[in-house]
Amino acid sequence: MSSPRVTLLIARARNGVIGHGNALPWHIPEELQHFKRTTTGHALIMGRLTWDSIGRPLPGRRTLVVSRNREWSATGCERADSVADAIAMAAAGSPEHPDISRDEIFVVGGAQIYLAALPHAQRILMTEVDLEPDGDVHLDAPDPQQWRAVTREARTSSIGVGFEIVDYRRI
């Protein structure tokens, strides 16, 4: 089997905010539906703070949590020492998760995990949210010298917030 594609799945506001108080600084139902549709059937890699904000394993997905604390554990997920280790674990598959695809692995946050995963990524699937909320976690936009947008899908949510789902590929 060839190596799986590593995709960063990011929701980012116009001002670069991706989080506030260990949560998303917005609630856009259509963006959450996009997340669920995109990630179901795949492995998710996240940091422990992102795990804490979700608080449970997501149905139909394999959850790998990167934590430096070797004693940390949570029901329904696997701990990895690093993003590279989590990618290797996801690529190897798991007898406990025989139905989970190994063709694409999704990295879902937070900022430190995104930065650690960036050298491994071939794709960034970013929801660009048309808001400028307060936040304590920021992430730069993809570097146009390294990433090219191959598709853009503009939408307006049922709550009136505009957003675009942009598929970036490494150049």
N, C-alpha and C. Protein backbone atom coordinates (compact mmCIF):
# COMPACT_ATOMS: atom_id res chain seq x y z
N MET A 1 0.85 -1.19 0.00
CA MET A 1 0.00 0.00 0.00
C MET A 1 0.89 1.25 0.00
N SER A 2 0.49 2.25 -0.77
CA SER A 2 1.24 3.50 -0.79
C SER A 2 0.95 4.29 0.48
N SER A 3 1.77 5.30 0.73
CA SER A 3 1.58 6.13 1.92
C SER A 3 0.27 6.89 1.82
N PRO A 4 -0.41 7.05 2.93
CA PRO A 4 -1.66 7.81 2.91
C PRO A 4 -1.40 9.30 2.71
N ARG A 5 -2.40 9.97 2.17
CA ARG A 5 -2.32 11.43 2.06
C ARG A 5 -2.62 12.02 3.44
N VAL A 6 -1.81 12.97 3.84
CA VAL A 6 -2.02 13.68 5.10
C VAL A 6 -2.65 15.02 4.76
N THR A 7 -3.84 15.24 5.32
CA THR A 7 -4.61 16.47 5.07
C THR A 7 -4.84 17.21 6.37
N LEU A 8 -4.51 18.50 6.37
CA LEU A 8 -4.86 19.36 7.50
C LEU A 8 -6.27 19.87 7.26
N LEU A 9 -7.16 19.64 8.19
CA LEU A 9 -8.55 20.11 8.08
C LEU A 9 -8.69 21.26 9.08
N ILE A 10 -8.83 22.46 8.55
CA ILE A 10 -8.75 23.68 9.36
C ILE A 10 -9.96 24.58 9.09
N ALA A 11 -10.50 25.15 10.16
CA ALA A 11 -11.46 26.24 10.04
C ALA A 11 -10.77 27.48 10.58
N ARG A 12 -10.71 28.54 9.76
CA ARG A 12 -9.91 29.73 10.09
C ARG A 12 -10.68 30.99 9.72
N ALA A 13 -10.72 31.93 10.64
CA ALA A 13 -11.38 33.21 10.38
C ALA A 13 -10.47 34.11 9.55
N ARG A 14 -11.07 35.17 9.00
CA ARG A 14 -10.33 36.15 8.19
C ARG A 14 -9.09 36.69 8.91
N ASN A 15 -9.19 36.86 10.23
CA ASN A 15 -8.09 37.43 11.00
C ASN A 15 -7.12 36.36 11.52
N GLY A 16 -7.24 35.13 11.04
CA GLY A 16 -6.33 34.07 11.42
C GLY A 16 -6.71 33.29 12.66
N VAL A 17 -7.80 33.68 13.31
CA VAL A 17 -8.22 32.99 14.53
C VAL A 17 -8.74 31.59 14.18
N ILE A 18 -8.28 30.60 14.96
CA ILE A 18 -8.82 29.25 14.83
C ILE A 18 -9.41 28.75 16.15
N GLY A 19 -9.18 29.49 17.24
CA GLY A 19 -9.72 29.04 18.52
C GLY A 19 -9.79 30.16 19.53
N HIS A 20 -10.65 29.94 20.52
CA HIS A 20 -10.79 30.88 21.63
C HIS A 20 -11.25 30.09 22.85
N GLY A 21 -10.44 30.11 23.91
CA GLY A 21 -10.83 29.41 25.12
C GLY A 21 -11.00 27.91 24.90
N ASN A 22 -10.14 27.32 24.09
CA ASN A 22 -10.17 25.89 23.75
C ASN A 22 -11.48 25.47 23.09
N ALA A 23 -12.02 26.36 22.27
CA ALA A 23 -13.22 26.04 21.50
C ALA A 23 -13.19 26.84 20.19
N LEU A 24 -14.04 26.44 19.26
CA LEU A 24 -14.20 27.25 18.06
C LEU A 24 -14.91 28.54 18.45
N PRO A 25 -14.50 29.68 17.91
CA PRO A 25 -15.15 30.95 18.27
C PRO A 25 -16.41 31.23 17.46
N TRP A 26 -16.98 30.23 16.84
CA TRP A 26 -18.21 30.35 16.06
C TRP A 26 -18.92 29.01 16.08
N HIS A 27 -20.17 29.01 15.73
CA HIS A 27 -20.93 27.76 15.57
C HIS A 27 -21.65 27.86 14.23
N ILE A 28 -21.10 27.19 13.24
CA ILE A 28 -21.68 27.21 11.90
C ILE A 28 -22.09 25.77 11.58
N PRO A 29 -23.40 25.47 11.66
CA PRO A 29 -23.86 24.09 11.47
C PRO A 29 -23.34 23.44 10.18
N GLU A 30 -23.34 24.18 9.10
CA GLU A 30 -22.90 23.61 7.82
C GLU A 30 -21.41 23.27 7.82
N GLU A 31 -20.62 24.02 8.56
CA GLU A 31 -19.19 23.73 8.65
C GLU A 31 -18.98 22.45 9.47
N LEU A 32 -19.75 22.27 10.52
CA LEU A 32 -19.67 21.05 11.32
C LEU A 32 -20.13 19.84 10.51
N GLN A 33 -21.14 20.02 9.68
CA GLN A 33 -21.59 18.94 8.80
C GLN A 33 -20.51 18.58 7.78
N HIS A 34 -19.83 19.59 7.25
CA HIS A 34 -18.71 19.37 6.33
C HIS A 34 -17.61 18.56 7.02
N PHE A 35 -17.29 18.91 8.26
CA PHE A 35 -16.28 18.19 9.04
C PHE A 35 -16.69 16.72 9.18
N LYS A 36 -17.92 16.49 9.57
CA LYS A 36 -18.40 15.12 9.77
C LYS A 36 -18.36 14.32 8.46
N ARG A 37 -18.89 14.89 7.39
CA ARG A 37 -18.90 14.22 6.08
C ARG A 37 -17.49 13.89 5.60
N THR A 38 -16.59 14.83 5.78
CA THR A 38 -15.22 14.69 5.28
C THR A 38 -14.43 13.65 6.07
N THR A 39 -14.61 13.61 7.38
CA THR A 39 -13.74 12.79 8.23
C THR A 39 -14.29 11.41 8.57
N THR A 40 -15.59 11.20 8.42
CA THR A 40 -16.15 9.89 8.77
C THR A 40 -15.47 8.80 7.92
N GLY A 41 -15.07 7.75 8.62
CA GLY A 41 -14.39 6.64 7.96
C GLY A 41 -12.88 6.80 7.87
N HIS A 42 -12.34 7.84 8.52
CA HIS A 42 -10.90 8.11 8.46
C HIS A 42 -10.32 8.24 9.87
N ALA A 43 -9.00 8.21 9.94
CA ALA A 43 -8.29 8.47 11.19
C ALA A 43 -8.14 9.98 11.37
N LEU A 44 -8.30 10.42 12.62
CA LEU A 44 -8.11 11.82 12.99
C LEU A 44 -6.92 11.92 13.92
N ILE A 45 -6.07 12.90 13.66
CA ILE A 45 -4.95 13.20 14.55
C ILE A 45 -5.21 14.56 15.16
N MET A 46 -5.11 14.61 16.48
CA MET A 46 -5.36 15.87 17.20
C MET A 46 -4.46 15.95 18.42
N GLY A 47 -4.30 17.15 18.93
CA GLY A 47 -3.60 17.35 20.18
C GLY A 47 -4.53 17.10 21.35
N ARG A 48 -3.93 16.99 22.52
CA ARG A 48 -4.73 16.70 23.71
C ARG A 48 -5.73 17.81 24.04
N LEU A 49 -5.36 19.07 23.81
CA LEU A 49 -6.31 20.15 24.09
C LEU A 49 -7.52 20.08 23.15
N THR A 50 -7.27 19.73 21.90
CA THR A 50 -8.40 19.56 20.97
C THR A 50 -9.27 18.40 21.42
N TRP A 51 -8.62 17.30 21.83
CA TRP A 51 -9.38 16.17 22.38
C TRP A 51 -10.25 16.65 23.56
N ASP A 52 -9.64 17.43 24.47
CA ASP A 52 -10.39 17.93 25.63
C ASP A 52 -11.60 18.75 25.20
N SER A 53 -11.45 19.55 24.13
CA SER A 53 -12.56 20.40 23.69
C SER A 53 -13.69 19.57 23.08
N ILE A 54 -13.35 18.44 22.46
CA ILE A 54 -14.37 17.56 21.89
C ILE A 54 -14.94 16.66 22.98
N GLY A 55 -14.06 16.09 23.80
CA GLY A 55 -14.48 15.35 24.97
C GLY A 55 -14.92 13.91 24.78
N ARG A 56 -14.88 13.43 23.54
CA ARG A 56 -15.31 12.06 23.29
C ARG A 56 -14.79 11.63 21.92
N PRO A 57 -14.69 10.31 21.71
CA PRO A 57 -14.33 9.87 20.36
C PRO A 57 -15.49 10.15 19.41
N LEU A 58 -15.19 10.54 18.20
CA LEU A 58 -16.24 10.84 17.23
C LEU A 58 -16.62 9.55 16.51
N PRO A 59 -17.91 9.29 16.38
CA PRO A 59 -18.36 8.04 15.76
C PRO A 59 -17.84 7.87 14.34
N GLY A 60 -17.48 6.63 14.02
CA GLY A 60 -17.07 6.31 12.66
C GLY A 60 -15.68 6.78 12.29
N ARG A 61 -14.88 7.17 13.29
CA ARG A 61 -13.53 7.64 13.05
C ARG A 61 -12.57 7.01 14.06
N ARG A 62 -11.31 6.90 13.68
CA ARG A 62 -10.26 6.47 14.59
C ARG A 62 -9.58 7.72 15.12
N THR A 63 -9.42 7.82 16.44
CA THR A 63 -8.89 9.03 17.04
C THR A 63 -7.52 8.78 17.63
N LEU A 64 -6.53 9.54 17.12
CA LEU A 64 -5.17 9.47 17.64
C LEU A 64 -4.85 10.82 18.27
N VAL A 65 -4.48 10.80 19.55
CA VAL A 65 -4.22 12.03 20.29
C VAL A 65 -2.73 12.13 20.58
N VAL A 66 -2.14 13.25 20.17
CA VAL A 66 -0.72 13.50 20.43
C VAL A 66 -0.60 14.16 21.79
N SER A 67 0.17 13.50 22.67
CA SER A 67 0.39 14.05 24.01
C SER A 67 1.79 13.68 24.47
N ARG A 68 2.48 14.64 25.08
CA ARG A 68 3.80 14.36 25.63
C ARG A 68 3.70 13.57 26.93
N ASN A 69 2.53 13.59 27.54
CA ASN A 69 2.31 12.88 28.81
C ASN A 69 2.05 11.40 28.52
N ARG A 70 3.04 10.57 28.80
CA ARG A 70 2.92 9.13 28.51
C ARG A 70 1.89 8.43 29.38
N GLU A 71 1.47 9.08 30.45
CA GLU A 71 0.46 8.49 31.35
C GLU A 71 -0.96 8.82 30.89
N TRP A 72 -1.10 9.77 29.97
CA TRP A 72 -2.43 10.20 29.53
C TRP A 72 -3.11 9.10 28.73
N SER A 73 -4.39 8.94 28.99
CA SER A 73 -5.20 8.03 28.19
C SER A 73 -6.65 8.46 28.27
N ALA A 74 -7.42 8.04 27.29
CA ALA A 74 -8.86 8.30 27.30
C ALA A 74 -9.52 7.16 26.53
N THR A 75 -10.67 6.78 27.00
CA THR A 75 -11.41 5.71 26.36
C THR A 75 -11.75 6.08 24.93
N GLY A 76 -11.50 5.15 24.02
CA GLY A 76 -11.89 5.35 22.62
C GLY A 76 -10.88 6.05 21.75
N CYS A 77 -9.67 6.30 22.29
CA CYS A 77 -8.64 6.93 21.46
C CYS A 77 -7.30 6.29 21.76
N GLU A 78 -6.32 6.60 20.93
CA GLU A 78 -4.97 6.11 21.09
C GLU A 78 -4.04 7.29 21.25
N ARG A 79 -3.05 7.16 22.14
CA ARG A 79 -2.09 8.23 22.37
C ARG A 79 -0.84 8.00 21.52
N ALA A 80 -0.31 9.09 20.98
CA ALA A 80 0.94 9.05 20.23
C ALA A 80 1.89 10.08 20.82
N ASP A 81 3.20 9.79 20.72
CA ASP A 81 4.21 10.72 21.25
C ASP A 81 4.39 11.95 20.39
N SER A 82 4.14 11.82 19.07
CA SER A 82 4.38 12.92 18.14
C SER A 82 3.42 12.80 16.96
N VAL A 83 3.36 13.85 16.18
CA VAL A 83 2.54 13.81 14.96
C VAL A 83 3.07 12.73 14.02
N ALA A 84 4.39 12.64 13.86
CA ALA A 84 4.96 11.62 12.98
C ALA A 84 4.57 10.22 13.44
N ASP A 85 4.60 9.99 14.75
CA ASP A 85 4.19 8.68 15.28
C ASP A 85 2.71 8.44 15.01
N ALA A 86 1.88 9.46 15.18
CA ALA A 86 0.44 9.31 14.93
C ALA A 86 0.16 8.99 13.47
N ILE A 87 0.89 9.64 12.57
CA ILE A 87 0.73 9.37 11.13
C ILE A 87 1.11 7.92 10.84
N ALA A 88 2.22 7.46 11.41
CA ALA A 88 2.65 6.07 11.20
C ALA A 88 1.62 5.09 11.76
N MET A 89 1.07 5.38 12.93
CA MET A 89 0.05 4.51 13.52
C MET A 89 -1.19 4.45 12.62
N ALA A 90 -1.63 5.61 12.14
CA ALA A 90 -2.82 5.66 11.28
C ALA A 90 -2.57 4.92 9.98
N ALA A 91 -1.38 5.08 9.42
CA ALA A 91 -1.05 4.42 8.15
C ALA A 91 -0.99 2.90 8.30
N ALA A 92 -0.58 2.43 9.47
CA ALA A 92 -0.46 0.99 9.72
C ALA A 92 -1.81 0.32 9.90
N GLY A 93 -2.83 1.10 10.21
CA GLY A 93 -4.15 0.51 10.45
C GLY A 93 -4.23 -0.07 11.86
N SER A 94 -5.40 -0.60 12.17
CA SER A 94 -5.64 -1.12 13.50
C SER A 94 -6.71 -2.21 13.44
N PRO A 95 -6.44 -3.36 14.07
CA PRO A 95 -7.47 -4.41 14.08
C PRO A 95 -8.77 -3.96 14.76
N GLU A 96 -8.66 -2.99 15.69
CA GLU A 96 -9.86 -2.46 16.36
C GLU A 96 -10.69 -1.57 15.44
N HIS A 97 -10.08 -1.13 14.34
CA HIS A 97 -10.75 -0.22 13.40
C HIS A 97 -10.60 -0.73 11.97
N PRO A 98 -11.11 -1.91 11.67
CA PRO A 98 -10.89 -2.48 10.33
C PRO A 98 -11.57 -1.71 9.20
N ASP A 99 -12.60 -0.94 9.51
CA ASP A 99 -13.33 -0.21 8.47
C ASP A 99 -12.80 1.20 8.23
N ILE A 100 -11.76 1.60 8.94
CA ILE A 100 -11.22 2.95 8.80
C ILE A 100 -10.25 2.98 7.62
N SER A 101 -10.49 3.89 6.70
CA SER A 101 -9.65 4.05 5.52
C SER A 101 -8.23 4.46 5.91
N ARG A 102 -7.27 3.97 5.16
CA ARG A 102 -5.89 4.38 5.36
C ARG A 102 -5.37 5.19 4.18
N ASP A 103 -6.28 5.59 3.27
CA ASP A 103 -5.84 6.36 2.10
C ASP A 103 -5.62 7.84 2.42
N GLU A 104 -6.31 8.34 3.43
CA GLU A 104 -6.17 9.76 3.81
C GLU A 104 -6.34 9.87 5.31
N ILE A 105 -5.45 10.64 5.94
CA ILE A 105 -5.47 10.89 7.37
C ILE A 105 -5.73 12.37 7.57
N PHE A 106 -6.62 12.70 8.51
CA PHE A 106 -6.95 14.10 8.75
C PHE A 106 -6.36 14.59 10.07
N VAL A 107 -5.63 15.70 10.00
CA VAL A 107 -5.09 16.37 11.17
C VAL A 107 -6.07 17.50 11.48
N VAL A 108 -6.62 17.51 12.71
CA VAL A 108 -7.73 18.41 13.02
C VAL A 108 -7.45 19.41 14.14
N GLY A 109 -6.19 19.57 14.52
CA GLY A 109 -5.88 20.65 15.45
C GLY A 109 -5.20 20.16 16.72
N GLY A 110 -4.79 21.11 17.48
CA GLY A 110 -4.77 22.54 17.36
C GLY A 110 -3.56 23.08 16.62
N ALA A 111 -3.26 24.34 16.89
CA ALA A 111 -2.25 25.06 16.12
C ALA A 111 -0.88 24.37 16.17
N GLN A 112 -0.44 23.92 17.34
CA GLN A 112 0.87 23.26 17.44
C GLN A 112 0.89 21.97 16.62
N ILE A 113 -0.21 21.26 16.61
CA ILE A 113 -0.29 20.00 15.86
C ILE A 113 -0.30 20.30 14.37
N TYR A 114 -1.04 21.34 13.96
CA TYR A 114 -1.02 21.72 12.54
C TYR A 114 0.41 22.06 12.09
N LEU A 115 1.12 22.83 12.90
CA LEU A 115 2.48 23.23 12.52
C LEU A 115 3.41 22.02 12.45
N ALA A 116 3.25 21.09 13.38
CA ALA A 116 4.08 19.88 13.37
C ALA A 116 3.74 18.98 12.18
N ALA A 117 2.48 18.98 11.76
CA ALA A 117 2.03 18.13 10.66
C ALA A 117 2.30 18.74 9.30
N LEU A 118 2.50 20.04 9.23
CA LEU A 118 2.64 20.73 7.95
C LEU A 118 3.70 20.10 7.03
N PRO A 119 4.89 19.74 7.51
CA PRO A 119 5.87 19.14 6.61
C PRO A 119 5.43 17.79 6.02
N HIS A 120 4.49 17.12 6.67
CA HIS A 120 4.00 15.81 6.22
C HIS A 120 2.81 15.94 5.27
N ALA A 121 2.20 17.12 5.23
CA ALA A 121 0.92 17.29 4.53
C ALA A 121 1.09 17.49 3.03
N GLN A 122 0.16 16.89 2.29
CA GLN A 122 0.06 17.12 0.85
C GLN A 122 -1.14 18.01 0.53
N ARG A 123 -2.04 18.16 1.51
CA ARG A 123 -3.31 18.87 1.27
C ARG A 123 -3.71 19.64 2.52
N ILE A 124 -4.30 20.81 2.31
CA ILE A 124 -4.95 21.56 3.37
C ILE A 124 -6.38 21.81 2.89
N LEU A 125 -7.33 21.33 3.65
CA LEU A 125 -8.74 21.57 3.36
C LEU A 125 -9.21 22.59 4.40
N MET A 126 -9.34 23.84 3.94
CA MET A 126 -9.58 24.93 4.87
C MET A 126 -10.94 25.57 4.66
N THR A 127 -11.66 25.71 5.76
CA THR A 127 -12.88 26.51 5.74
C THR A 127 -12.45 27.92 6.15
N GLU A 128 -12.57 28.85 5.20
CA GLU A 128 -12.23 30.24 5.45
C GLU A 128 -13.51 30.96 5.85
N VAL A 129 -13.60 31.28 7.14
CA VAL A 129 -14.82 31.84 7.72
C VAL A 129 -14.78 33.36 7.62
N ASP A 130 -15.85 33.95 7.13
CA ASP A 130 -15.93 35.39 6.91
C ASP A 130 -16.32 36.12 8.20
N LEU A 131 -15.49 35.95 9.21
CA LEU A 131 -15.66 36.61 10.51
C LEU A 131 -14.29 37.07 10.99
N GLU A 132 -14.30 37.97 11.97
CA GLU A 132 -13.07 38.39 12.64
C GLU A 132 -13.29 38.35 14.14
N PRO A 133 -13.41 37.14 14.70
CA PRO A 133 -13.71 37.00 16.12
C PRO A 133 -12.47 37.20 16.99
N ASP A 134 -12.71 37.46 18.27
CA ASP A 134 -11.62 37.42 19.24
C ASP A 134 -11.16 35.99 19.35
N GLY A 135 -9.88 35.81 19.59
CA GLY A 135 -9.38 34.46 19.76
C GLY A 135 -8.00 34.45 20.37
N ASP A 136 -7.65 33.32 20.95
CA ASP A 136 -6.33 33.19 21.56
C ASP A 136 -5.45 32.17 20.82
N VAL A 137 -5.98 31.61 19.74
CA VAL A 137 -5.19 30.70 18.91
C VAL A 137 -5.31 31.16 17.47
N HIS A 138 -4.16 31.39 16.85
CA HIS A 138 -4.11 31.89 15.47
C HIS A 138 -3.28 30.96 14.60
N LEU A 139 -3.55 30.99 13.31
CA LEU A 139 -2.78 30.22 12.35
C LEU A 139 -2.64 31.04 11.08
N ASP A 140 -1.44 31.07 10.54
CA ASP A 140 -1.22 31.80 9.29
C ASP A 140 -1.94 31.11 8.14
N ALA A 141 -2.25 31.88 7.12
CA ALA A 141 -2.82 31.32 5.89
C ALA A 141 -1.74 30.48 5.21
N PRO A 142 -2.14 29.53 4.37
CA PRO A 142 -1.15 28.74 3.64
C PRO A 142 -0.22 29.63 2.80
N ASP A 143 1.05 29.33 2.82
CA ASP A 143 2.07 30.07 2.08
C ASP A 143 1.86 29.85 0.58
N PRO A 144 1.57 30.91 -0.19
CA PRO A 144 1.32 30.74 -1.63
C PRO A 144 2.54 30.25 -2.41
N GLN A 145 3.72 30.30 -1.79
CA GLN A 145 4.91 29.73 -2.44
C GLN A 145 4.92 28.20 -2.33
N GLN A 146 4.11 27.66 -1.41
CA GLN A 146 4.10 26.22 -1.18
C GLN A 146 2.75 25.56 -1.46
N TRP A 147 1.69 26.38 -1.47
CA TRP A 147 0.33 25.83 -1.58
C TRP A 147 -0.46 26.56 -2.66
N ARG A 148 -1.24 25.81 -3.41
CA ARG A 148 -2.10 26.38 -4.44
C ARG A 148 -3.53 25.93 -4.19
N ALA A 149 -4.47 26.88 -4.24
CA ALA A 149 -5.89 26.53 -4.12
C ALA A 149 -6.34 25.90 -5.43
N VAL A 150 -6.86 24.67 -5.35
CA VAL A 150 -7.32 23.99 -6.56
C VAL A 150 -8.84 24.09 -6.72
N THR A 151 -9.55 24.26 -5.60
CA THR A 151 -11.00 24.52 -5.67
C THR A 151 -11.39 25.45 -4.54
N ARG A 152 -12.44 26.23 -4.80
CA ARG A 152 -13.05 27.12 -3.80
C ARG A 152 -14.55 26.98 -3.93
N GLU A 153 -15.19 26.72 -2.82
CA GLU A 153 -16.65 26.61 -2.82
C GLU A 153 -17.22 27.60 -1.82
N ALA A 154 -17.81 28.68 -2.32
CA ALA A 154 -18.38 29.72 -1.46
C ALA A 154 -19.76 29.30 -0.99
N ARG A 155 -20.03 29.55 0.28
CA ARG A 155 -21.32 29.21 0.87
C ARG A 155 -21.74 30.29 1.85
N THR A 156 -23.02 30.30 2.15
CA THR A 156 -23.54 31.13 3.23
C THR A 156 -24.32 30.20 4.15
N SER A 157 -24.01 30.27 5.43
CA SER A 157 -24.66 29.37 6.39
C SER A 157 -26.09 29.81 6.67
N SER A 158 -26.82 28.91 7.30
CA SER A 158 -28.21 29.20 7.68
C SER A 158 -28.28 30.34 8.70
N ILE A 159 -27.16 30.65 9.37
CA ILE A 159 -27.14 31.75 10.33
C ILE A 159 -26.59 33.03 9.70
N GLY A 160 -26.35 32.98 8.37
CA GLY A 160 -25.95 34.18 7.64
C GLY A 160 -24.47 34.45 7.56
N VAL A 161 -23.64 33.52 8.02
CA VAL A 161 -22.19 33.70 7.97
C VAL A 161 -21.66 33.11 6.66
N GLY A 162 -20.89 33.91 5.95
CA GLY A 162 -20.27 33.42 4.72
C GLY A 162 -19.01 32.63 5.04
N PHE A 163 -18.76 31.63 4.22
CA PHE A 163 -17.52 30.87 4.34
C PHE A 163 -17.20 30.21 3.01
N GLU A 164 -15.92 29.89 2.85
CA GLU A 164 -15.48 29.17 1.65
C GLU A 164 -14.74 27.94 2.08
N ILE A 165 -14.99 26.85 1.39
CA ILE A 165 -14.20 25.64 1.59
C ILE A 165 -13.18 25.62 0.46
N VAL A 166 -11.91 25.70 0.86
CA VAL A 166 -10.82 25.82 -0.10
C VAL A 166 -9.92 24.59 0.03
N ASP A 167 -9.69 23.94 -1.11
CA ASP A 167 -8.83 22.77 -1.17
C ASP A 167 -7.47 23.21 -1.70
N TYR A 168 -6.47 23.24 -0.82
CA TYR A 168 -5.11 23.61 -1.18
C TYR A 168 -4.28 22.34 -1.38
N ARG A 169 -3.41 22.37 -2.38
CA ARG A 169 -2.49 21.26 -2.62
C ARG A 169 -1.07 21.80 -2.61
N ARG A 170 -0.18 20.98 -2.08
CA ARG A 170 1.23 21.37 -2.05
C ARG A 170 1.74 21.50 -3.48
N ILE A 171 2.47 22.58 -3.75
CA ILE A 171 3.02 22.81 -5.10
C ILE A 171 4.23 21.91 -5.29
